[in-house]
Structures are given as structure tokens and as C-alpha cells.
C-alpha atoms as a PDB file:
ATOM      1  CA  MET A   1      30.358  -0.658  -7.339  1.00  0.00           C
ATOM      2  CA  HIS A   2      27.359  -1.635  -5.261  1.00  0.00           C
ATOM      3  CA  ASP A   3      26.162  -4.722  -3.469  1.00  0.00           C
ATOM      4  CA  ASP A   4      24.377  -7.150  -5.834  1.00  0.00           C
ATOM      5  CA  SER A   5      22.628  -9.094  -3.069  1.00  0.00           C
ATOM      6  CA  PRO A   6      18.811  -9.365  -3.215  1.00  0.00           C
ATOM      7  CA  VAL A   7      16.761  -6.496  -1.816  1.00  0.00           C
ATOM      8  CA  ALA A   8      13.416  -6.840  -0.031  1.00  0.00           C
ATOM      9  CA  LEU A   9      10.672  -4.239  -0.255  1.00  0.00           C
ATOM     10  CA  SER A  10      11.242  -3.569   3.451  1.00  0.00           C
ATOM     11  CA  ASP A  11      14.792  -2.432   2.543  1.00  0.00           C
ATOM     12  CA  ILE A  12      13.623   0.331   0.182  1.00  0.00           C
ATOM     13  CA  ASP A  13      14.222   3.920   1.247  1.00  0.00           C
ATOM     14  CA  PHE A  14      10.740   5.280   0.582  1.00  0.00           C
ATOM     15  CA  ASP A  15      11.712   8.824   1.548  1.00  0.00           C
ATOM     16  CA  GLN A  16      14.195   8.697  -1.326  1.00  0.00           C
ATOM     17  CA  VAL A  17      11.577   7.270  -3.698  1.00  0.00           C
ATOM     18  CA  TYR A  18       9.190  10.150  -3.004  1.00  0.00           C
ATOM     19  CA  ALA A  19      12.062  12.642  -3.363  1.00  0.00           C
ATOM     20  CA  GLY A  20      13.096  11.179  -6.734  1.00  0.00           C
ATOM     21  CA  GLY A  21      16.264   9.582  -5.370  1.00  0.00           C
ATOM     22  CA  GLU A  22      17.539   5.999  -5.360  1.00  0.00           C
ATOM     23  CA  ALA A  23      15.309   3.441  -3.680  1.00  0.00           C
ATOM     24  CA  PHE A  24      18.516   1.475  -3.098  1.00  0.00           C
ATOM     25  CA  ALA A  25      21.941   1.503  -4.727  1.00  0.00           C
ATOM     26  CA  GLY A  26      21.494   0.930  -8.445  1.00  0.00           C
ATOM     27  CA  MET A  27      17.738   1.552  -8.630  1.00  0.00           C
ATOM     28  CA  ARG A  28      15.902   4.806  -9.160  1.00  0.00           C
ATOM     29  CA  PHE A  29      12.229   4.761 -10.130  1.00  0.00           C
ATOM     30  CA  GLU A  30      11.393   6.904 -13.142  1.00  0.00           C
ATOM     31  CA  ARG A  31       8.184   7.765 -11.318  1.00  0.00           C
ATOM     32  CA  VAL A  32       6.536   6.681  -8.071  1.00  0.00           C
ATOM     33  CA  PRO A  33       5.191   3.285  -9.201  1.00  0.00           C
ATOM     34  CA  TRP A  34       1.925   3.437  -7.256  1.00  0.00           C
ATOM     35  CA  ASP A  35       0.999   7.078  -7.876  1.00  0.00           C
ATOM     36  CA  PHE A  36      -1.165   7.703 -10.947  1.00  0.00           C
ATOM     37  CA  GLY A  37      -3.041  10.702  -9.553  1.00  0.00           C
ATOM     38  CA  GLY A  38      -6.155   8.898  -8.371  1.00  0.00           C
ATOM     39  CA  PRO A  39      -7.466   6.282  -5.939  1.00  0.00           C
ATOM     40  CA  GLN A  40      -6.751   2.594  -6.263  1.00  0.00           C
ATOM     41  CA  PRO A  41      -9.744   0.954  -8.042  1.00  0.00           C
ATOM     42  CA  ALA A  42     -10.080  -1.632  -5.264  1.00  0.00           C
ATOM     43  CA  VAL A  43     -10.668   1.204  -2.776  1.00  0.00           C
ATOM     44  CA  VAL A  44     -13.264   2.780  -5.070  1.00  0.00           C
ATOM     45  CA  GLU A  45     -15.051  -0.582  -5.233  1.00  0.00           C
ATOM     46  CA  LEU A  46     -15.020  -0.920  -1.430  1.00  0.00           C
ATOM     47  CA  GLU A  47     -16.614   2.488  -0.974  1.00  0.00           C
ATOM     48  CA  ALA A  48     -19.251   1.787  -3.637  1.00  0.00           C
ATOM     49  CA  ALA A  49     -20.108  -1.497  -1.894  1.00  0.00           C
ATOM     50  CA  GLY A  50     -20.702   0.244   1.443  1.00  0.00           C
ATOM     51  CA  GLU A  51     -17.663  -1.355   3.079  1.00  0.00           C
ATOM     52  CA  ILE A  52     -16.294   1.925   4.502  1.00  0.00           C
ATOM     53  CA  SER A  53     -17.776   3.456   7.647  1.00  0.00           C
ATOM     54  CA  GLY A  54     -16.930   5.650  10.618  1.00  0.00           C
ATOM     55  CA  ALA A  55     -13.448   7.018  11.195  1.00  0.00           C
ATOM     56  CA  VAL A  56     -11.057   5.659   8.567  1.00  0.00           C
ATOM     57  CA  LEU A  57      -7.339   4.913   8.775  1.00  0.00           C
ATOM     58  CA  ASP A  58      -5.393   4.811   5.508  1.00  0.00           C
ATOM     59  CA  ALA A  59      -2.307   2.847   6.585  1.00  0.00           C
ATOM     60  CA  GLY A  60       0.704   3.571   4.390  1.00  0.00           C
ATOM     61  CA  CYS A  61      -1.128   6.407   2.685  1.00  0.00           C
ATOM     62  CA  GLY A  62       1.735   7.465   0.413  1.00  0.00           C
ATOM     63  CA  LEU A  63       0.758  10.572  -1.525  1.00  0.00           C
ATOM     64  CA  GLY A  64      -2.771  10.386  -0.164  1.00  0.00           C
ATOM     65  CA  GLU A  65      -4.952   9.608  -3.174  1.00  0.00           C
ATOM     66  CA  ASN A  66      -7.043   6.933  -1.439  1.00  0.00           C
ATOM     67  CA  ALA A  67      -7.533   9.098   1.654  1.00  0.00           C
ATOM     68  CA  LEU A  68      -8.469  12.104  -0.464  1.00  0.00           C
ATOM     69  CA  PHE A  69     -10.951  10.052  -2.479  1.00  0.00           C
ATOM     70  CA  LEU A  70     -12.689   9.004   0.742  1.00  0.00           C
ATOM     71  CA  ALA A  71     -12.520  12.505   2.240  1.00  0.00           C
ATOM     72  CA  ALA A  72     -14.236  13.863  -0.878  1.00  0.00           C
ATOM     73  CA  ARG A  73     -17.096  11.479  -0.112  1.00  0.00           C
ATOM     74  CA  GLY A  74     -17.526  12.759   3.407  1.00  0.00           C
ATOM     75  CA  TYR A  75     -15.508  10.275   5.458  1.00  0.00           C
ATOM     76  CA  HIS A  76     -13.256  11.385   8.312  1.00  0.00           C
ATOM     77  CA  VAL A  77      -9.931   9.993   7.138  1.00  0.00           C
ATOM     78  CA  THR A  78      -6.472   9.885   8.674  1.00  0.00           C
ATOM     79  CA  GLY A  79      -3.592   8.852   6.451  1.00  0.00           C
ATOM     80  CA  VAL A  80      -0.312   7.747   8.028  1.00  0.00           C
ATOM     81  CA  ASP A  81       3.014   7.011   6.399  1.00  0.00           C
ATOM     82  CA  ALA A  82       6.580   6.606   7.642  1.00  0.00           C
ATOM     83  CA  ALA A  83       7.893   8.749   4.770  1.00  0.00           C
ATOM     84  CA  SER A  84       7.703  12.395   5.800  1.00  0.00           C
ATOM     85  CA  GLY A  85       8.063  13.563   2.193  1.00  0.00           C
ATOM     86  CA  ALA A  86       4.976  11.580   1.189  1.00  0.00           C
ATOM     87  CA  VAL A  87       2.957  13.060   4.054  1.00  0.00           C
ATOM     88  CA  GLU A  88       4.019  16.604   3.095  1.00  0.00           C
ATOM     89  CA  GLN A  89       2.902  16.031  -0.490  1.00  0.00           C
ATOM     90  CA  ALA A  90      -0.390  14.446   0.652  1.00  0.00           C
ATOM     91  CA  ARG A  91      -1.125  17.504   2.802  1.00  0.00           C
ATOM     92  CA  ALA A  92      -0.380  19.769  -0.149  1.00  0.00           C
ATOM     93  CA  ARG A  93      -2.764  17.805  -2.389  1.00  0.00           C
ATOM     94  CA  ALA A  94      -5.491  18.053   0.269  1.00  0.00           C
ATOM     95  CA  ALA A  95      -5.013  21.811   0.509  1.00  0.00           C
ATOM     96  CA  GLU A  96      -5.042  22.235  -3.275  1.00  0.00           C
ATOM     97  CA  ARG A  97      -8.358  20.366  -3.516  1.00  0.00           C
ATOM     98  CA  GLY A  98      -9.926  21.932  -0.429  1.00  0.00           C
ATOM     99  CA  LEU A  99     -10.381  18.548   1.242  1.00  0.00           C
ATOM    100  CA  ASP A 100     -10.440  17.893   4.981  1.00  0.00           C
ATOM    101  CA  ALA A 101      -8.148  14.926   5.576  1.00  0.00           C
ATOM    102  CA  GLU A 102      -5.583  14.422   8.319  1.00  0.00           C
ATOM    103  CA  PHE A 103      -2.100  13.181   7.449  1.00  0.00           C
ATOM    104  CA  ALA A 104       0.582  12.186   9.953  1.00  0.00           C
ATOM    105  CA  VAL A 105       4.081  10.732   9.927  1.00  0.00           C
ATOM    106  CA  ALA A 106       3.800   7.487  11.874  1.00  0.00           C
ATOM    107  CA  ASP A 107       5.237   3.989  12.106  1.00  0.00           C
ATOM    108  CA  ALA A 108       2.401   1.672  11.080  1.00  0.00           C
ATOM    109  CA  THR A 109       3.899  -1.147  13.159  1.00  0.00           C
ATOM    110  CA  ARG A 110       3.331   0.969  16.304  1.00  0.00           C
ATOM    111  CA  LEU A 111       0.676   3.642  15.631  1.00  0.00           C
ATOM    112  CA  ASP A 112       1.458   5.388  18.904  1.00  0.00           C
ATOM    113  CA  GLY A 113      -1.170   7.963  19.835  1.00  0.00           C
ATOM    114  CA  PHE A 114      -3.970   6.453  17.759  1.00  0.00           C
ATOM    115  CA  GLU A 115      -5.414   4.007  20.294  1.00  0.00           C
ATOM    116  CA  SER A 116      -9.051   2.862  19.811  1.00  0.00           C
ATOM    117  CA  ARG A 117      -9.670   5.543  17.212  1.00  0.00           C
ATOM    118  CA  PHE A 118     -10.723   3.941  13.914  1.00  0.00           C
ATOM    119  CA  ASP A 119     -13.720   1.977  12.628  1.00  0.00           C
ATOM    120  CA  THR A 120     -12.289   1.074   9.209  1.00  0.00           C
ATOM    121  CA  VAL A 121      -8.716   0.445   8.087  1.00  0.00           C
ATOM    122  CA  VAL A 122      -7.675   0.598   4.445  1.00  0.00           C
ATOM    123  CA  ASP A 123      -4.279  -0.843   3.526  1.00  0.00           C
ATOM    124  CA  SER A 124      -3.525  -0.438  -0.169  1.00  0.00           C
ATOM    125  CA  ALA A 125      -0.122  -2.089  -0.759  1.00  0.00           C
ATOM    126  CA  LEU A 126       1.584  -1.479   2.593  1.00  0.00           C
ATOM    127  CA  TYR A 127       1.518  -5.021   3.976  1.00  0.00           C
ATOM    128  CA  HIS A 128       3.824  -6.535   1.347  1.00  0.00           C
ATOM    129  CA  CYS A 129       6.423  -3.821   2.091  1.00  0.00           C
ATOM    130  CA  LEU A 130       6.891  -5.189   5.631  1.00  0.00           C
ATOM    131  CA  ASP A 131       9.115  -8.072   6.722  1.00  0.00           C
ATOM    132  CA  SER A 132       7.816 -10.961   8.829  1.00  0.00           C
ATOM    133  CA  VAL A 133       8.519  -9.359  12.211  1.00  0.00           C
ATOM    134  CA  GLN A 134       6.985  -6.070  11.089  1.00  0.00           C
ATOM    135  CA  ARG A 135       3.836  -7.815   9.828  1.00  0.00           C
ATOM    136  CA  THR A 136       3.153  -9.320  13.245  1.00  0.00           C
ATOM    137  CA  ALA A 137       3.705  -5.955  14.939  1.00  0.00           C
ATOM    138  CA  TYR A 138       1.525  -4.245  12.324  1.00  0.00           C
ATOM    139  CA  SER A 139      -1.398  -6.576  13.014  1.00  0.00           C
ATOM    140  CA  ALA A 140      -1.202  -5.805  16.741  1.00  0.00           C
ATOM    141  CA  ALA A 141      -0.833  -2.055  16.120  1.00  0.00           C
ATOM    142  CA  LEU A 142      -3.947  -1.986  13.929  1.00  0.00           C
ATOM    143  CA  HIS A 143      -5.857  -3.834  16.650  1.00  0.00           C
ATOM    144  CA  ARG A 144      -4.812  -1.238  19.248  1.00  0.00           C
ATOM    145  CA  ALA A 145      -5.707   1.642  16.935  1.00  0.00           C
ATOM    146  CA  THR A 146      -9.229   0.417  16.156  1.00  0.00           C
ATOM    147  CA  ALA A 147     -12.534   0.223  17.986  1.00  0.00           C
ATOM    148  CA  PRO A 148     -14.491  -3.003  18.642  1.00  0.00           C
ATOM    149  CA  GLY A 149     -16.130  -4.245  15.451  1.00  0.00           C
ATOM    150  CA  ALA A 150     -13.667  -2.405  13.196  1.00  0.00           C
ATOM    151  CA  ARG A 151     -13.085  -3.726   9.690  1.00  0.00           C
ATOM    152  CA  LEU A 152      -9.774  -4.162   7.885  1.00  0.00           C
ATOM    153  CA  HIS A 153      -9.546  -4.027   4.096  1.00  0.00           C
ATOM    154  CA  LEU A 154      -6.096  -4.953   2.819  1.00  0.00           C
ATOM    155  CA  VAL A 155      -4.722  -5.243  -0.722  1.00  0.00           C
ATOM    156  CA  CYS A 156      -1.248  -6.732  -1.255  1.00  0.00           C
ATOM    157  CA  PHE A 157       0.757  -8.438  -3.995  1.00  0.00           C
ATOM    158  CA  SER A 158      -0.063 -12.138  -4.281  1.00  0.00           C
ATOM    159  CA  ASP A 159       2.017 -15.234  -4.937  1.00  0.00           C
ATOM    160  CA  ALA A 160       0.674 -15.349  -8.496  1.00  0.00           C
ATOM    161  CA  ILE A 161       3.787 -13.345  -9.451  1.00  0.00           C
ATOM    162  CA  PRO A 162       7.369 -14.665  -9.195  1.00  0.00           C
ATOM    163  CA  GLY A 163      10.274 -13.198  -7.254  1.00  0.00           C
ATOM    164  CA  THR A 164      10.643 -11.722  -3.775  1.00  0.00           C
ATOM    165  CA  LEU A 165       7.530  -9.544  -3.864  1.00  0.00           C
ATOM    166  CA  PRO A 166       4.631 -11.974  -3.279  1.00  0.00           C
ATOM    167  CA  VAL A 167       2.571 -12.795  -0.206  1.00  0.00           C
ATOM    168  CA  THR A 168       0.735 -16.098   0.317  1.00  0.00           C
ATOM    169  CA  LYS A 169      -2.679 -16.621   1.876  1.00  0.00           C
ATOM    170  CA  ASP A 170      -0.981 -18.566   4.668  1.00  0.00           C
ATOM    171  CA  ASP A 171       1.253 -15.573   5.384  1.00  0.00           C
ATOM    172  CA  LEU A 172      -1.790 -13.324   5.758  1.00  0.00           C
ATOM    173  CA  ARG A 173      -3.502 -15.784   8.078  1.00  0.00           C
ATOM    174  CA  ALA A 174      -0.375 -16.332  10.163  1.00  0.00           C
ATOM    175  CA  HIS A 175       0.381 -12.665  10.771  1.00  0.00           C
ATOM    176  CA  LEU A 176      -3.133 -11.217  10.983  1.00  0.00           C
ATOM    177  CA  GLY A 177      -5.126 -14.119  12.437  1.00  0.00           C
ATOM    178  CA  GLY A 178      -4.148 -13.426  16.037  1.00  0.00           C
ATOM    179  CA  HIS A 179      -5.853 -10.031  16.074  1.00  0.00           C
ATOM    180  CA  TRP A 180      -8.341 -10.162  13.168  1.00  0.00           C
ATOM    181  CA  ASN A 181     -11.086 -12.578  12.141  1.00  0.00           C
ATOM    182  CA  ILE A 182     -10.539 -12.980   8.412  1.00  0.00           C
ATOM    183  CA  ASP A 183     -13.803 -13.164   6.454  1.00  0.00           C
ATOM    184  CA  ARG A 184     -12.319 -13.645   3.015  1.00  0.00           C
ATOM    185  CA  ILE A 185      -9.213 -13.424   0.855  1.00  0.00           C
ATOM    186  CA  ASP A 186     -10.083 -12.891  -2.806  1.00  0.00           C
ATOM    187  CA  GLU A 187      -7.999 -12.479  -5.935  1.00  0.00           C
ATOM    188  CA  THR A 188      -7.829  -8.987  -7.391  1.00  0.00           C
ATOM    189  CA  ARG A 189      -5.358  -6.823  -9.292  1.00  0.00           C
ATOM    190  CA  TYR A 190      -3.403  -3.800  -8.143  1.00  0.00           C
ATOM    191  CA  SER A 191      -3.148  -0.871 -10.546  1.00  0.00           C
ATOM    192  CA  THR A 192       0.297   0.671 -10.983  1.00  0.00           C
ATOM    193  CA  ALA A 193       1.544   3.888 -12.580  1.00  0.00           C
ATOM    194  CA  PHE A 194       3.593   1.831 -15.046  1.00  0.00           C
ATOM    195  CA  THR A 195       2.671   1.206 -18.645  1.00  0.00           C
ATOM    196  CA  ARG A 196       4.306  -1.846 -20.201  1.00  0.00           C
ATOM    197  CA  GLU A 197       6.718   0.442 -22.047  1.00  0.00           C
ATOM    198  CA  LEU A 198       7.604   2.365 -18.901  1.00  0.00           C
ATOM    199  CA  LEU A 199       8.157  -0.851 -16.942  1.00  0.00           C
ATOM    200  CA  ARG A 200      10.260  -2.243 -19.779  1.00  0.00           C
ATOM    201  CA  ARG A 201      12.396   0.910 -19.748  1.00  0.00           C
ATOM    202  CA  GLN A 202      12.599   0.873 -15.952  1.00  0.00           C
ATOM    203  CA  ARG A 203      13.935  -2.681 -16.012  1.00  0.00           C
ATOM    204  CA  ALA A 204      16.541  -1.757 -18.611  1.00  0.00           C
ATOM    205  CA  GLU A 205      17.761   1.283 -16.671  1.00  0.00           C
ATOM    206  CA  SER A 206      17.552   0.045 -13.059  1.00  0.00           C
ATOM    207  CA  ASP A 207      18.457  -3.100 -11.161  1.00  0.00           C
ATOM    208  CA  LEU A 208      14.908  -4.380 -10.672  1.00  0.00           C
ATOM    209  CA  ASP A 209      16.034  -8.017 -10.725  1.00  0.00           C
ATOM    210  CA  ARG A 210      17.495  -7.481  -7.249  1.00  0.00           C
ATOM    211  CA  LEU A 211      13.995  -6.593  -6.107  1.00  0.00           C
ATOM    212  CA  GLY A 212      12.592  -9.798  -7.576  1.00  0.00           C
ATOM    213  CA  VAL A 213      10.976  -8.120 -10.581  1.00  0.00           C
ATOM    214  CA  THR A 214      11.920 -10.874 -13.005  1.00  0.00           C
ATOM    215  CA  PHE A 215       8.663 -11.196 -14.936  1.00  0.00           C
ATOM    216  CA  ASP A 216       8.144 -10.124 -18.527  1.00  0.00           C
ATOM    217  CA  PRO A 217       6.201  -6.814 -18.666  1.00  0.00           C
ATOM    218  CA  ASP A 218       4.386  -8.050 -21.773  1.00  0.00           C
ATOM    219  CA  ALA A 219       3.006 -10.987 -19.785  1.00  0.00           C
ATOM    220  CA  LEU A 220       1.143  -8.668 -17.408  1.00  0.00           C
ATOM    221  CA  ASP A 221      -2.391  -7.415 -17.960  1.00  0.00           C
ATOM    222  CA  VAL A 222      -3.145  -3.720 -18.382  1.00  0.00           C
ATOM    223  CA  ASP A 223      -6.289  -1.674 -17.779  1.00  0.00           C
ATOM    224  CA  GLU A 224      -8.106   0.595 -20.235  1.00  0.00           C
ATOM    225  CA  ARG A 225      -5.498   3.312 -19.601  1.00  0.00           C
ATOM    226  CA  ASP A 226      -2.603   0.912 -20.320  1.00  0.00           C
ATOM    227  CA  ARG A 227      -1.593   0.798 -16.648  1.00  0.00           C
ATOM    228  CA  VAL A 228       0.098  -2.459 -15.648  1.00  0.00           C
ATOM    229  CA  LEU A 229      -1.973  -4.620 -13.269  1.00  0.00           C
ATOM    230  CA  ILE A 230      -0.237  -6.733 -10.600  1.00  0.00           C
ATOM    231  CA  PRO A 231      -1.919  -9.893  -9.219  1.00  0.00           C
ATOM    232  CA  ALA A 232      -2.979  -9.211  -5.645  1.00  0.00           C
ATOM    233  CA  TRP A 233      -5.008 -10.407  -2.674  1.00  0.00           C
ATOM    234  CA  ARG A 234      -7.960  -8.478  -1.275  1.00  0.00           C
ATOM    235  CA  LEU A 235      -8.544  -9.347   2.362  1.00  0.00           C
ATOM    236  CA  ARG A 236     -11.499  -8.430   4.554  1.00  0.00           C
ATOM    237  CA  ALA A 237     -11.317  -8.975   8.305  1.00  0.00           C
ATOM    238  CA  VAL A 238     -13.096  -7.903  11.495  1.00  0.00           C
ATOM    239  CA  ARG A 239     -11.319  -6.934  14.704  1.00  0.00           C
ATOM    240  CA  ALA A 240     -11.124  -9.908  17.050  1.00  0.00           C
END
């Protein structure tokens, strides 16, 4: 028997997810949902548009694909994640590809030891994993870790999807507005490692309803590789 009460993303044991264990009692991901062996398309678009410059922080870097993509293009990138297993795997991927990227285990709501260091911050799906108190602390930590004029690029799940996952525009403004001047919040889509079939099977085998994943997989869009796309916000802000 396990507790059937709702679970927030902030309750997930990400170390267990990266190790192939249970994210919480009753739910084990068949694969890491956000790892498809390449960078998030939104990050690729940012780099192509000239939105990345200087020293870069990849906050919540996971297995490091976004950081490694930027490192391959000559940026000095530091990826941080609270999950030590993810950081170990990111370092291994960097070594395998001969790429110079720094990875560190760190609490993104504190970022101790990284004061005034970065010119660009990339957050690809970390923000929505934090609770309200953590989001406020995260905004302040990013401010401390960045230099004057630094830019923040953040992608998170939007309120265009049902359940406990989404973030509203007002939430972003409330938690980030004290430390960051928000230029824009646009609609985009976040690419996952799930196909519709894989997500359908995941729902049948694990207790995703407790996580708020109540939508029909067939109602979601997919990209040209059949990867499920999640409605998301893309925020751009400048350090206040």
C-alpha cells in the first residue's frame, strides 16, 4: 500500500529518476522523460538568434544536453543540478564527446559559491519543479549568481495543460519580478522523450494521475520524430 495523495513535481526524488528507481511510491519512469539525447529545441533557437552570450549557467542541467550543445559552440558553460547522479552522467557525456563544460552539484535556490559569475542563464524545465517558496528563493539566487545586465531565458510548463503541473504568467511575474525585468513571456512547446505510445504505456503502468498527468496522450501534439510536445512558456528577462 502507498499514499494516494497528490504529488507535486517538487516532491519527486530526481536522484531516483536518474538511477532508474521510483520517482515516488507507485511511479517509475520507463525512461527519463526529458532526455532524448540532444538539446531542447527552444535552447537551439535561442543560440541561433544570438540570445546567448558570455559565461552561461544551465540551471537544472539534468544530463547536460543543453550545456553540451552550447559548449560545442564555444560558450563557457556551467551546468548545475541537485541530483548528483545526473551531474555524474553529464560529466561522462562531456568526456565522451571531448567537450569542455563544467558540471556541479548545487541547490539552484541558493547557488552558493557562484556569486556574480554568469552573463546568461538558461532554465529548461527547472522552474516548474519548484514550489512557491523555492521559486522566490531561486529568483534571488539567480540574481546573486549573475553579473549586471545578465539575461535569463526560462522555459516551463504552461497553464494550457490541466493538472498540478502548470505555471501561470502571473506566477512567473510574482516570483521573478522582484529581481528580473521581464521582457516577454511567449507560448512555446517543450519536447519530451515520450512518444504517444510510450506515454500511454507509462500512464497504464504508473500512477501518473497523482502527478496531475490527466490529459489524453492522443490530444497532445508531436514533432517530426513523434516526440510528445508539452505546452510551455518561454520567458526572457534582464537582471534588475
